[in-house]
Amino acid sequence: MASLSVKPGQRFTMPDWQNHSLLISADAEQQRYNSHNVRQEGRVLRNETGNQARWDEHNSRTRLKDRVTTIDRWREALARCLTEMDAEIDALTKVCWEGRWLEMNLHSLDGM
């Protein structure tokens, strides 16, 4: 019978296994460290962005509220001015009509 030829396998020594194990362990540790840093940076960025958004919204609301208050004051001032102008026009119209009435009565008295 013919014997089967067996290919000799690669043999690893104990130090080879240990070195390979240490390399795998160091690589895994580095990946865990990098992953932790990325997560922490993401958390910091999320917090900073959230805080900035809250402050921006607060500032916008405050400026908008101030602008509405300013516009209300201007509207009240304009309404007050309009009321005063209407009163002045009414007073002038009354004086003008009274003057014409007096003038018409004086002419009618002169004609007598």
PDB file of N, CA and C in Angstrom:
ATOM      1  N   MET A   1       0.805  -1.162   0.000  1.00  0.00           N
ATOM      2  CA  MET A   1       0.000   0.000   0.000  1.00  0.00           C
ATOM      3  C   MET A   1       0.859   1.241   0.000  1.00  0.00           C
ATOM      4  N   ALA A   2       0.224   2.211  -0.547  1.00  0.00           N
ATOM      5  CA  ALA A   2       0.937   3.476  -0.619  1.00  0.00           C
ATOM      6  C   ALA A   2       0.677   4.282   0.640  1.00  0.00           C
ATOM      7  N   SER A   3       1.685   4.925   1.079  1.00  0.00           N
ATOM      8  CA  SER A   3       1.486   5.744   2.278  1.00  0.00           C
ATOM      9  C   SER A   3       1.037   7.142   1.854  1.00  0.00           C
ATOM     10  N   LEU A   4       0.235   7.726   2.672  1.00  0.00           N
ATOM     11  CA  LEU A   4      -0.251   9.089   2.405  1.00  0.00           C
ATOM     12  C   LEU A   4       0.824  10.080   2.789  1.00  0.00           C
ATOM     13  N   SER A   5       1.009  11.040   1.900  1.00  0.00           N
ATOM     14  CA  SER A   5       1.994  12.058   2.249  1.00  0.00           C
ATOM     15  C   SER A   5       1.302  13.137   3.088  1.00  0.00           C
ATOM     16  N   VAL A   6       1.864  13.438   4.172  1.00  0.00           N
ATOM     17  CA  VAL A   6       1.298  14.451   5.073  1.00  0.00           C
ATOM     18  C   VAL A   6       2.208  15.669   5.027  1.00  0.00           C
ATOM     19  N   LYS A   7       1.556  16.769   4.764  1.00  0.00           N
ATOM     20  CA  LYS A   7       2.292  18.018   4.703  1.00  0.00           C
ATOM     21  C   LYS A   7       2.614  18.438   6.126  1.00  0.00           C
ATOM     22  N   PRO A   8       3.842  18.720   6.387  1.00  0.00           N
ATOM     23  CA  PRO A   8       4.162  19.102   7.756  1.00  0.00           C
ATOM     24  C   PRO A   8       3.546  20.455   8.077  1.00  0.00           C
ATOM     25  N   GLY A   9       2.853  20.593   9.195  1.00  0.00           N
ATOM     26  CA  GLY A   9       2.216  21.846   9.607  1.00  0.00           C
ATOM     27  C   GLY A   9       3.220  22.801  10.211  1.00  0.00           C
ATOM     28  N   GLN A  10       2.848  24.064  10.189  1.00  0.00           N
ATOM     29  CA  GLN A  10       3.713  25.077  10.767  1.00  0.00           C
ATOM     30  C   GLN A  10       3.615  24.965  12.281  1.00  0.00           C
ATOM     31  N   ARG A  11       4.709  24.952  12.894  1.00  0.00           N
ATOM     32  CA  ARG A  11       4.734  24.796  14.344  1.00  0.00           C
ATOM     33  C   ARG A  11       5.014  26.153  14.982  1.00  0.00           C
ATOM     34  N   PHE A  12       4.199  26.482  15.989  1.00  0.00           N
ATOM     35  CA  PHE A  12       4.410  27.706  16.747  1.00  0.00           C
ATOM     36  C   PHE A  12       4.965  27.352  18.113  1.00  0.00           C
ATOM     37  N   THR A  13       5.861  28.135  18.540  1.00  0.00           N
ATOM     38  CA  THR A  13       6.427  27.923  19.871  1.00  0.00           C
ATOM     39  C   THR A  13       5.622  28.729  20.877  1.00  0.00           C
ATOM     40  N   MET A  14       5.844  28.457  22.137  1.00  0.00           N
ATOM     41  CA  MET A  14       5.124  29.156  23.195  1.00  0.00           C
ATOM     42  C   MET A  14       5.394  30.659  23.158  1.00  0.00           C
ATOM     43  N   PRO A  15       6.618  31.126  22.983  1.00  0.00           N
ATOM     44  CA  PRO A  15       6.843  32.574  22.891  1.00  0.00           C
ATOM     45  C   PRO A  15       6.125  33.198  21.701  1.00  0.00           C
ATOM     46  N   ASP A  16       5.990  32.454  20.582  1.00  0.00           N
ATOM     47  CA  ASP A  16       5.238  32.981  19.435  1.00  0.00           C
ATOM     48  C   ASP A  16       3.780  33.199  19.827  1.00  0.00           C
ATOM     49  N   TRP A  17       3.184  32.252  20.511  1.00  0.00           N
ATOM     50  CA  TRP A  17       1.794  32.381  20.958  1.00  0.00           C
ATOM     51  C   TRP A  17       1.657  33.561  21.921  1.00  0.00           C
ATOM     52  N   GLN A  18       2.574  33.702  22.820  1.00  0.00           N
ATOM     53  CA  GLN A  18       2.501  34.790  23.795  1.00  0.00           C
ATOM     54  C   GLN A  18       2.637  36.154  23.113  1.00  0.00           C
ATOM     55  N   ASN A  19       3.592  36.256  22.201  1.00  0.00           N
ATOM     56  CA  ASN A  19       3.762  37.522  21.474  1.00  0.00           C
ATOM     57  C   ASN A  19       2.519  37.869  20.660  1.00  0.00           C
ATOM     58  N   HIS A  20       1.991  36.876  19.980  1.00  0.00           N
ATOM     59  CA  HIS A  20       0.783  37.097  19.181  1.00  0.00           C
ATOM     60  C   HIS A  20      -0.390  37.506  20.086  1.00  0.00           C
ATOM     61  N   SER A  21      -0.512  36.866  21.218  1.00  0.00           N
ATOM     62  CA  SER A  21      -1.567  37.197  22.186  1.00  0.00           C
ATOM     63  C   SER A  21      -1.400  38.612  22.704  1.00  0.00           C
ATOM     64  N   LEU A  22      -0.166  38.989  23.014  1.00  0.00           N
ATOM     65  CA  LEU A  22       0.082  40.357  23.493  1.00  0.00           C
ATOM     66  C   LEU A  22      -0.248  41.391  22.427  1.00  0.00           C
ATOM     67  N   LEU A  23       0.074  41.106  21.165  1.00  0.00           N
ATOM     68  CA  LEU A  23      -0.256  42.026  20.067  1.00  0.00           C
ATOM     69  C   LEU A  23      -1.764  42.190  19.918  1.00  0.00           C
ATOM     70  N   ILE A  24      -2.486  41.083  19.979  1.00  0.00           N
ATOM     71  CA  ILE A  24      -3.952  41.137  19.867  1.00  0.00           C
ATOM     72  C   ILE A  24      -4.535  41.920  21.039  1.00  0.00           C
ATOM     73  N   SER A  25      -4.026  41.671  22.233  1.00  0.00           N
ATOM     74  CA  SER A  25      -4.508  42.352  23.432  1.00  0.00           C
ATOM     75  C   SER A  25      -4.221  43.853  23.363  1.00  0.00           C
ATOM     76  N   ALA A  26      -3.008  44.220  22.929  1.00  0.00           N
ATOM     77  CA  ALA A  26      -2.640  45.643  22.818  1.00  0.00           C
ATOM     78  C   ALA A  26      -3.507  46.338  21.768  1.00  0.00           C
ATOM     79  N   ASP A  27      -3.750  45.653  20.652  1.00  0.00           N
ATOM     80  CA  ASP A  27      -4.601  46.224  19.605  1.00  0.00           C
ATOM     81  C   ASP A  27      -6.026  46.432  20.108  1.00  0.00           C
ATOM     82  N   ALA A  28      -6.556  45.465  20.835  1.00  0.00           N
ATOM     83  CA  ALA A  28      -7.910  45.587  21.392  1.00  0.00           C
ATOM     84  C   ALA A  28      -7.971  46.730  22.402  1.00  0.00           C
ATOM     85  N   GLU A  29      -6.938  46.833  23.225  1.00  0.00           N
ATOM     86  CA  GLU A  29      -6.897  47.922  24.220  1.00  0.00           C
ATOM     87  C   GLU A  29      -6.854  49.281  23.530  1.00  0.00           C
ATOM     88  N   GLN A  30      -6.072  49.410  22.483  1.00  0.00           N
ATOM     89  CA  GLN A  30      -5.988  50.665  21.728  1.00  0.00           C
ATOM     90  C   GLN A  30      -7.340  51.004  21.092  1.00  0.00           C
ATOM     91  N   GLN A  31      -8.008  49.999  20.550  1.00  0.00           N
ATOM     92  CA  GLN A  31      -9.324  50.237  19.959  1.00  0.00           C
ATOM     93  C   GLN A  31     -10.336  50.676  21.012  1.00  0.00           C
ATOM     94  N   ARG A  32     -10.290  50.069  22.199  1.00  0.00           N
ATOM     95  CA  ARG A  32     -11.182  50.471  23.292  1.00  0.00           C
ATOM     96  C   ARG A  32     -10.893  51.920  23.710  1.00  0.00           C
ATOM     97  N   TYR A  33      -9.617  52.263  23.794  1.00  0.00           N
ATOM     98  CA  TYR A  33      -9.213  53.617  24.172  1.00  0.00           C
ATOM     99  C   TYR A  33      -9.709  54.636  23.137  1.00  0.00           C
ATOM    100  N   ASN A  34      -9.487  54.316  21.853  1.00  0.00           N
ATOM    101  CA  ASN A  34      -9.947  55.208  20.781  1.00  0.00           C
ATOM    102  C   ASN A  34     -11.465  55.342  20.795  1.00  0.00           C
ATOM    103  N   SER A  35     -12.157  54.229  21.001  1.00  0.00           N
ATOM    104  CA  SER A  35     -13.616  54.248  21.043  1.00  0.00           C
ATOM    105  C   SER A  35     -14.116  55.104  22.199  1.00  0.00           C
ATOM    106  N   HIS A  36     -13.472  54.962  23.357  1.00  0.00           N
ATOM    107  CA  HIS A  36     -13.851  55.758  24.522  1.00  0.00           C
ATOM    108  C   HIS A  36     -13.646  57.250  24.240  1.00  0.00           C
ATOM    109  N   ASN A  37     -12.511  57.612  23.641  1.00  0.00           N
ATOM    110  CA  ASN A  37     -12.239  59.013  23.311  1.00  0.00           C
ATOM    111  C   ASN A  37     -13.263  59.571  22.330  1.00  0.00           C
ATOM    112  N   VAL A  38     -13.610  58.799  21.321  1.00  0.00           N
ATOM    113  CA  VAL A  38     -14.603  59.252  20.344  1.00  0.00           C
ATOM    114  C   VAL A  38     -15.950  59.478  21.022  1.00  0.00           C
ATOM    115  N   ARG A  39     -16.349  58.547  21.908  1.00  0.00           N
ATOM    116  CA  ARG A  39     -17.611  58.708  22.629  1.00  0.00           C
ATOM    117  C   ARG A  39     -17.588  59.951  23.505  1.00  0.00           C
ATOM    118  N   GLN A  40     -16.463  60.178  24.197  1.00  0.00           N
ATOM    119  CA  GLN A  40     -16.357  61.350  25.072  1.00  0.00           C
ATOM    120  C   GLN A  40     -16.398  62.640  24.260  1.00  0.00           C
ATOM    121  N   GLU A  41     -15.695  62.684  23.144  1.00  0.00           N
ATOM    122  CA  GLU A  41     -15.716  63.871  22.285  1.00  0.00           C
ATOM    123  C   GLU A  41     -17.116  64.130  21.747  1.00  0.00           C
ATOM    124  N   GLY A  42     -17.807  63.072  21.377  1.00  0.00           N
ATOM    125  CA  GLY A  42     -19.191  63.216  20.911  1.00  0.00           C
ATOM    126  C   GLY A  42     -20.093  63.751  22.005  1.00  0.00           C
ATOM    127  N   ARG A  43     -19.913  63.260  23.227  1.00  0.00           N
ATOM    128  CA  ARG A  43     -20.707  63.727  24.367  1.00  0.00           C
ATOM    129  C   ARG A  43     -20.441  65.204  24.635  1.00  0.00           C
ATOM    130  N   VAL A  44     -19.161  65.605  24.602  1.00  0.00           N
ATOM    131  CA  VAL A  44     -18.802  67.007  24.830  1.00  0.00           C
ATOM    132  C   VAL A  44     -19.402  67.885  23.741  1.00  0.00           C
ATOM    133  N   LEU A  45     -19.277  67.461  22.498  1.00  0.00           N
ATOM    134  CA  LEU A  45     -19.820  68.230  21.379  1.00  0.00           C
ATOM    135  C   LEU A  45     -21.336  68.352  21.486  1.00  0.00           C
ATOM    136  N   ARG A  46     -22.002  67.258  21.852  1.00  0.00           N
ATOM    137  CA  ARG A  46     -23.459  67.295  22.014  1.00  0.00           C
ATOM    138  C   ARG A  46     -23.855  68.270  23.117  1.00  0.00           C
ATOM    139  N   ASN A  47     -23.138  68.248  24.243  1.00  0.00           N
ATOM    140  CA  ASN A  47     -23.435  69.162  25.349  1.00  0.00           C
ATOM    141  C   ASN A  47     -23.197  70.619  24.955  1.00  0.00           C
ATOM    142  N   GLU A  48     -22.066  70.880  24.310  1.00  0.00           N
ATOM    143  CA  GLU A  48     -21.764  72.249  23.885  1.00  0.00           C
ATOM    144  C   GLU A  48     -22.796  72.755  22.890  1.00  0.00           C
ATOM    145  N   THR A  49     -23.172  71.918  21.946  1.00  0.00           N
ATOM    146  CA  THR A  49     -24.166  72.308  20.945  1.00  0.00           C
ATOM    147  C   THR A  49     -25.515  72.572  21.601  1.00  0.00           C
ATOM    148  N   GLY A  50     -25.907  71.714  22.524  1.00  0.00           N
ATOM    149  CA  GLY A  50     -27.176  71.921  23.228  1.00  0.00           C
ATOM    150  C   GLY A  50     -27.175  73.198  24.031  1.00  0.00           C
ATOM    151  N   ASN A  51     -26.081  73.459  24.752  1.00  0.00           N
ATOM    152  CA  ASN A  51     -25.988  74.700  25.532  1.00  0.00           C
ATOM    153  C   ASN A  51     -26.024  75.924  24.630  1.00  0.00           C
ATOM    154  N   GLN A  52     -25.287  75.871  23.539  1.00  0.00           N
ATOM    155  CA  GLN A  52     -25.265  77.003  22.607  1.00  0.00           C
ATOM    156  C   GLN A  52     -26.649  77.240  22.015  1.00  0.00           C
ATOM    157  N   ALA A  53     -27.351  76.172  21.671  1.00  0.00           N
ATOM    158  CA  ALA A  53     -28.702  76.311  21.111  1.00  0.00           C
ATOM    159  C   ALA A  53     -29.654  76.923  22.143  1.00  0.00           C
ATOM    160  N   ARG A  54     -29.548  76.483  23.399  1.00  0.00           N
ATOM    161  CA  ARG A  54     -30.416  77.047  24.442  1.00  0.00           C
ATOM    162  C   ARG A  54     -30.136  78.527  24.654  1.00  0.00           C
ATOM    163  N   TRP A  55     -28.854  78.911  24.704  1.00  0.00           N
ATOM    164  CA  TRP A  55     -28.517  80.322  24.895  1.00  0.00           C
ATOM    165  C   TRP A  55     -28.937  81.158  23.685  1.00  0.00           C
ATOM    166  N   ASP A  56     -28.737  80.637  22.492  1.00  0.00           N
ATOM    167  CA  ASP A  56     -29.163  81.362  21.295  1.00  0.00           C
ATOM    168  C   ASP A  56     -30.674  81.576  21.301  1.00  0.00           C
ATOM    169  N   GLU A  57     -31.423  80.541  21.674  1.00  0.00           N
ATOM    170  CA  GLU A  57     -32.880  80.680  21.740  1.00  0.00           C
ATOM    171  C   GLU A  57     -33.270  81.694  22.804  1.00  0.00           C
ATOM    172  N   HIS A  58     -32.613  81.656  23.959  1.00  0.00           N
ATOM    173  CA  HIS A  58     -32.909  82.612  25.033  1.00  0.00           C
ATOM    174  C   HIS A  58     -32.634  84.043  24.561  1.00  0.00           C
ATOM    175  N   ASN A  59     -31.472  84.251  23.927  1.00  0.00           N
ATOM    176  CA  ASN A  59     -31.131  85.584  23.429  1.00  0.00           C
ATOM    177  C   ASN A  59     -32.114  86.050  22.366  1.00  0.00           C
ATOM    178  N   SER A  60     -32.516  85.161  21.484  1.00  0.00           N
ATOM    179  CA  SER A  60     -33.473  85.527  20.437  1.00  0.00           C
ATOM    180  C   SER A  60     -34.822  85.901  21.034  1.00  0.00           C
ATOM    181  N   ARG A  61     -35.274  85.106  21.996  1.00  0.00           N
ATOM    182  CA  ARG A  61     -36.548  85.423  22.650  1.00  0.00           C
ATOM    183  C   ARG A  61     -36.480  86.761  23.382  1.00  0.00           C
ATOM    184  N   THR A  62     -35.364  87.019  24.057  1.00  0.00           N
ATOM    185  CA  THR A  62     -35.203  88.276  24.786  1.00  0.00           C
ATOM    186  C   THR A  62     -35.203  89.457  23.823  1.00  0.00           C
ATOM    187  N   ARG A  63     -34.442  89.354  22.735  1.00  0.00           N
ATOM    188  CA  ARG A  63     -34.406  90.447  21.757  1.00  0.00           C
ATOM    189  C   ARG A  63     -35.773  90.654  21.116  1.00  0.00           C
ATOM    190  N   LEU A  64     -36.467  89.558  20.825  1.00  0.00           N
ATOM    191  CA  LEU A  64     -37.797  89.669  20.230  1.00  0.00           C
ATOM    192  C   LEU A  64     -38.770  90.334  21.198  1.00  0.00           C
ATOM    193  N   LYS A  65     -38.700  89.940  22.484  1.00  0.00           N
ATOM    194  CA  LYS A  65     -39.574  90.543  23.484  1.00  0.00           C
ATOM    195  C   LYS A  65     -39.278  92.041  23.620  1.00  0.00           C
ATOM    196  N   ASP A  66     -37.990  92.400  23.618  1.00  0.00           N
ATOM    197  CA  ASP A  66     -37.613  93.813  23.687  1.00  0.00           C
ATOM    198  C   ASP A  66     -38.122  94.578  22.467  1.00  0.00           C
ATOM    199  N   ARG A  67     -38.031  93.959  21.309  1.00  0.00           N
ATOM    200  CA  ARG A  67     -38.499  94.620  20.077  1.00  0.00           C
ATOM    201  C   ARG A  67     -40.012  94.823  20.116  1.00  0.00           C
ATOM    202  N   VAL A  68     -40.745  93.831  20.603  1.00  0.00           N
ATOM    203  CA  VAL A  68     -42.203  93.954  20.712  1.00  0.00           C
ATOM    204  C   VAL A  68     -42.554  95.074  21.686  1.00  0.00           C
ATOM    205  N   THR A  69     -41.825  95.160  22.800  1.00  0.00           N
ATOM    206  CA  THR A  69     -42.061  96.229  23.774  1.00  0.00           C
ATOM    207  C   THR A  69     -41.801  97.595  23.150  1.00  0.00           C
ATOM    208  N   THR A  70     -40.716  97.712  22.403  1.00  0.00           N
ATOM    209  CA  THR A  70     -40.397  98.983  21.737  1.00  0.00           C
ATOM    210  C   THR A  70     -41.473  99.363  20.742  1.00  0.00           C
ATOM    211  N   ILE A  71     -41.946  98.396  19.971  1.00  0.00           N
ATOM    212  CA  ILE A  71     -42.994  98.673  18.984  1.00  0.00           C
ATOM    213  C   ILE A  71     -44.282  99.080  19.676  1.00  0.00           C
ATOM    214  N   ASP A  72     -44.619  98.430  20.791  1.00  0.00           N
ATOM    215  CA  ASP A  72     -45.823  98.821  21.543  1.00  0.00           C
ATOM    216  C   ASP A  72     -45.706 100.251  22.044  1.00  0.00           C
ATOM    217  N   ARG A  73     -44.534 100.624  22.537  1.00  0.00           N
ATOM    218  CA  ARG A  73     -44.348 102.015  23.001  1.00  0.00           C
ATOM    219  C   ARG A  73     -44.514 103.007  21.862  1.00  0.00           C
ATOM    220  N   TRP A  74     -43.930 102.686  20.696  1.00  0.00           N
ATOM    221  CA  TRP A  74     -44.073 103.575  19.537  1.00  0.00           C
ATOM    222  C   TRP A  74     -45.542 103.675  19.115  1.00  0.00           C
ATOM    223  N   ARG A  75     -46.232 102.534  19.134  1.00  0.00           N
ATOM    224  CA  ARG A  75     -47.645 102.555  18.747  1.00  0.00           C
ATOM    225  C   ARG A  75     -48.456 103.422  19.708  1.00  0.00           C
ATOM    226  N   GLU A  76     -48.181 103.298  21.004  1.00  0.00           N
ATOM    227  CA  GLU A  76     -48.887 104.121  21.986  1.00  0.00           C
ATOM    228  C   GLU A  76     -48.562 105.598  21.787  1.00  0.00           C
ATOM    229  N   ALA A  77     -47.291 105.914  21.509  1.00  0.00           N
ATOM    230  CA  ALA A  77     -46.902 107.307  21.274  1.00  0.00           C
ATOM    231  C   ALA A  77     -47.586 107.860  20.028  1.00  0.00           C
ATOM    232  N   LEU A  78     -47.645 107.061  18.977  1.00  0.00           N
ATOM    233  CA  LEU A  78     -48.306 107.504  17.745  1.00  0.00           C
ATOM    234  C   LEU A  78     -49.815 107.679  17.948  1.00  0.00           C
ATOM    235  N   ALA A  79     -50.421 106.759  18.711  1.00  0.00           N
ATOM    236  CA  ALA A  79     -51.853 106.886  18.992  1.00  0.00           C
ATOM    237  C   ALA A  79     -52.121 108.146  19.810  1.00  0.00           C
ATOM    238  N   ARG A  80     -51.270 108.422  20.796  1.00  0.00           N
ATOM    239  CA  ARG A  80     -51.423 109.626  21.615  1.00  0.00           C
ATOM    240  C   ARG A  80     -51.263 110.873  20.739  1.00  0.00           C
ATOM    241  N   CYS A  81     -50.277 110.863  19.853  1.00  0.00           N
ATOM    242  CA  CYS A  81     -50.045 111.992  18.942  1.00  0.00           C
ATOM    243  C   CYS A  81     -51.233 112.186  18.012  1.00  0.00           C
ATOM    244  N   LEU A  82     -51.782 111.088  17.506  1.00  0.00           N
ATOM    245  CA  LEU A  82     -52.947 111.175  16.627  1.00  0.00           C
ATOM    246  C   LEU A  82     -54.152 111.750  17.366  1.00  0.00           C
ATOM    247  N   THR A  83     -54.352 111.330  18.599  1.00  0.00           N
ATOM    248  CA  THR A  83     -55.459 111.857  19.399  1.00  0.00           C
ATOM    249  C   THR A  83     -55.281 113.353  19.636  1.00  0.00           C
ATOM    250  N   GLU A  84     -54.061 113.760  19.967  1.00  0.00           N
ATOM    251  CA  GLU A  84     -53.796 115.190  20.182  1.00  0.00           C
ATOM    252  C   GLU A  84     -53.991 115.992  18.904  1.00  0.00           C
ATOM    253  N   MET A  85     -53.570 115.425  17.770  1.00  0.00           N
ATOM    254  CA  MET A  85     -53.764 116.126  16.492  1.00  0.00           C
ATOM    255  C   MET A  85     -55.240 116.255  16.156  1.00  0.00           C
ATOM    256  N   ASP A  86     -56.018 115.191  16.385  1.00  0.00           N
ATOM    257  CA  ASP A  86     -57.461 115.256  16.138  1.00  0.00           C
ATOM    258  C   ASP A  86     -58.107 116.320  17.011  1.00  0.00           C
ATOM    259  N   ALA A  87     -57.705 116.382  18.286  1.00  0.00           N
ATOM    260  CA  ALA A  87     -58.253 117.397  19.186  1.00  0.00           C
ATOM    261  C   ALA A  87     -57.874 118.792  18.716  1.00  0.00           C
ATOM    262  N   GLU A  88     -56.648 118.980  18.263  1.00  0.00           N
ATOM    263  CA  GLU A  88     -56.200 120.282  17.766  1.00  0.00           C
ATOM    264  C   GLU A  88     -56.952 120.672  16.498  1.00  0.00           C
ATOM    265  N   ILE A  89     -57.151 119.710  15.596  1.00  0.00           N
ATOM    266  CA  ILE A  89     -57.910 119.993  14.363  1.00  0.00           C
ATOM    267  C   ILE A  89     -59.342 120.377  14.706  1.00  0.00           C
ATOM    268  N   ASP A  90     -59.956 119.637  15.652  1.00  0.00           N
ATOM    269  CA  ASP A  90     -61.327 119.974  16.062  1.00  0.00           C
ATOM    270  C   ASP A  90     -61.389 121.370  16.671  1.00  0.00           C
ATOM    271  N   ALA A  91     -60.396 121.703  17.490  1.00  0.00           N
ATOM    272  CA  ALA A  91     -60.378 123.037  18.106  1.00  0.00           C
ATOM    273  C   ALA A  91     -60.210 124.116  17.047  1.00  0.00           C
ATOM    274  N   LEU A  92     -59.318 123.906  16.091  1.00  0.00           N
ATOM    275  CA  LEU A  92     -59.115 124.882  15.018  1.00  0.00           C
ATOM    276  C   LEU A  92     -60.354 125.012  14.138  1.00  0.00           C
ATOM    277  N   THR A  93     -60.987 123.893  13.867  1.00  0.00           N
ATOM    278  CA  THR A  93     -62.206 123.937  13.053  1.00  0.00           C
ATOM    279  C   THR A  93     -63.296 124.711  13.777  1.00  0.00           C
ATOM    280  N   LYS A  94     -63.416 124.481  15.064  1.00  0.00           N
ATOM    281  CA  LYS A  94     -64.422 125.192  15.858  1.00  0.00           C
ATOM    282  C   LYS A  94     -64.136 126.689  15.869  1.00  0.00           C
ATOM    283  N   VAL A  95     -62.862 127.051  16.057  1.00  0.00           N
ATOM    284  CA  VAL A  95     -62.497 128.473  16.058  1.00  0.00           C
ATOM    285  C   VAL A  95     -62.763 129.078  14.689  1.00  0.00           C
ATOM    286  N   CYS A  96     -62.444 128.341  13.643  1.00  0.00           N
ATOM    287  CA  CYS A  96     -62.649 128.838  12.281  1.00  0.00           C
ATOM    288  C   CYS A  96     -64.133 129.057  12.015  1.00  0.00           C
ATOM    289  N   TRP A  97     -64.984 128.107  12.412  1.00  0.00           N
ATOM    290  CA  TRP A  97     -66.420 128.261  12.185  1.00  0.00           C
ATOM    291  C   TRP A  97     -66.991 129.406  13.031  1.00  0.00           C
ATOM    292  N   GLU A  98     -66.510 129.522  14.257  1.00  0.00           N
ATOM    293  CA  GLU A  98     -66.978 130.631  15.086  1.00  0.00           C
ATOM    294  C   GLU A  98     -66.562 131.957  14.486  1.00  0.00           C
ATOM    295  N   GLY A  99     -65.360 132.030  13.954  1.00  0.00           N
ATOM    296  CA  GLY A  99     -64.890 133.266  13.309  1.00  0.00           C
ATOM    297  C   GLY A  99     -65.738 133.596  12.096  1.00  0.00           C
ATOM    298  N   ARG A 100     -66.066 132.609  11.291  1.00  0.00           N
ATOM    299  CA  ARG A 100     -66.909 132.858  10.118  1.00  0.00           C
ATOM    300  C   ARG A 100     -68.319 133.284  10.533  1.00  0.00           C
ATOM    301  N   TRP A 101     -68.810 132.638  11.601  1.00  0.00           N
ATOM    302  CA  TRP A 101     -70.149 132.983  12.064  1.00  0.00           C
ATOM    303  C   TRP A 101     -70.169 134.435  12.541  1.00  0.00           C
ATOM    304  N   LEU A 102     -69.130 134.827  13.295  1.00  0.00           N
ATOM    305  CA  LEU A 102     -69.048 136.215  13.747  1.00  0.00           C
ATOM    306  C   LEU A 102     -68.917 137.158  12.567  1.00  0.00           C
ATOM    307  N   GLU A 103     -68.104 136.775  11.584  1.00  0.00           N
ATOM    308  CA  GLU A 103     -67.916 137.619  10.409  1.00  0.00           C
ATOM    309  C   GLU A 103     -69.220 137.780   9.641  1.00  0.00           C
ATOM    310  N   MET A 104     -69.961 136.672   9.497  1.00  0.00           N
ATOM    311  CA  MET A 104     -71.245 136.757   8.775  1.00  0.00           C
ATOM    312  C   MET A 104     -72.222 137.633   9.548  1.00  0.00           C
ATOM    313  N   ASN A 105     -72.243 137.513  10.845  1.00  0.00           N
ATOM    314  CA  ASN A 105     -73.148 138.350  11.646  1.00  0.00           C
ATOM    315  C   ASN A 105     -72.735 139.806  11.599  1.00  0.00           C
ATOM    316  N   LEU A 106     -71.460 140.104  11.567  1.00  0.00           N
ATOM    317  CA  LEU A 106     -71.000 141.488  11.473  1.00  0.00           C
ATOM    318  C   LEU A 106     -71.396 142.087  10.130  1.00  0.00           C
ATOM    319  N   HIS A 107     -71.284 141.302   9.056  1.00  0.00           N
ATOM    320  CA  HIS A 107     -71.695 141.811   7.737  1.00  0.00           C
ATOM    321  C   HIS A 107     -73.180 142.052   7.690  1.00  0.00           C
ATOM    322  N   SER A 108     -73.934 141.191   8.350  1.00  0.00           N
ATOM    323  CA  SER A 108     -75.377 141.393   8.326  1.00  0.00           C
ATOM    324  C   SER A 108     -75.756 142.616   9.168  1.00  0.00           C
ATOM    325  N   LEU A 109     -74.990 142.886  10.230  1.00  0.00           N
ATOM    326  CA  LEU A 109     -75.257 144.065  11.022  1.00  0.00           C
ATOM    327  C   LEU A 109     -74.845 145.323  10.284  1.00  0.00           C
ATOM    328  N   ASP A 110     -73.766 145.239   9.521  1.00  0.00           N
ATOM    329  CA  ASP A 110     -73.314 146.393   8.737  1.00  0.00           C
ATOM    330  C   ASP A 110     -74.312 146.731   7.642  1.00  0.00           C
ATOM    331  N   GLY A 111     -74.987 145.750   7.142  1.00  0.00           N
ATOM    332  CA  GLY A 111     -75.931 145.979   6.064  1.00  0.00           C
ATOM    333  C   GLY A 111     -77.230 146.590   6.571  1.00  0.00           C
ATOM    334  N   MET A 112     -77.461 146.631   7.806  1.00  0.00           N
ATOM    335  CA  MET A 112     -78.698 147.194   8.318  1.00  0.00           C
ATOM    336  C   MET A 112     -78.643 148.648   8.440  1.00  0.00           C
TER     337      MET A 112
END
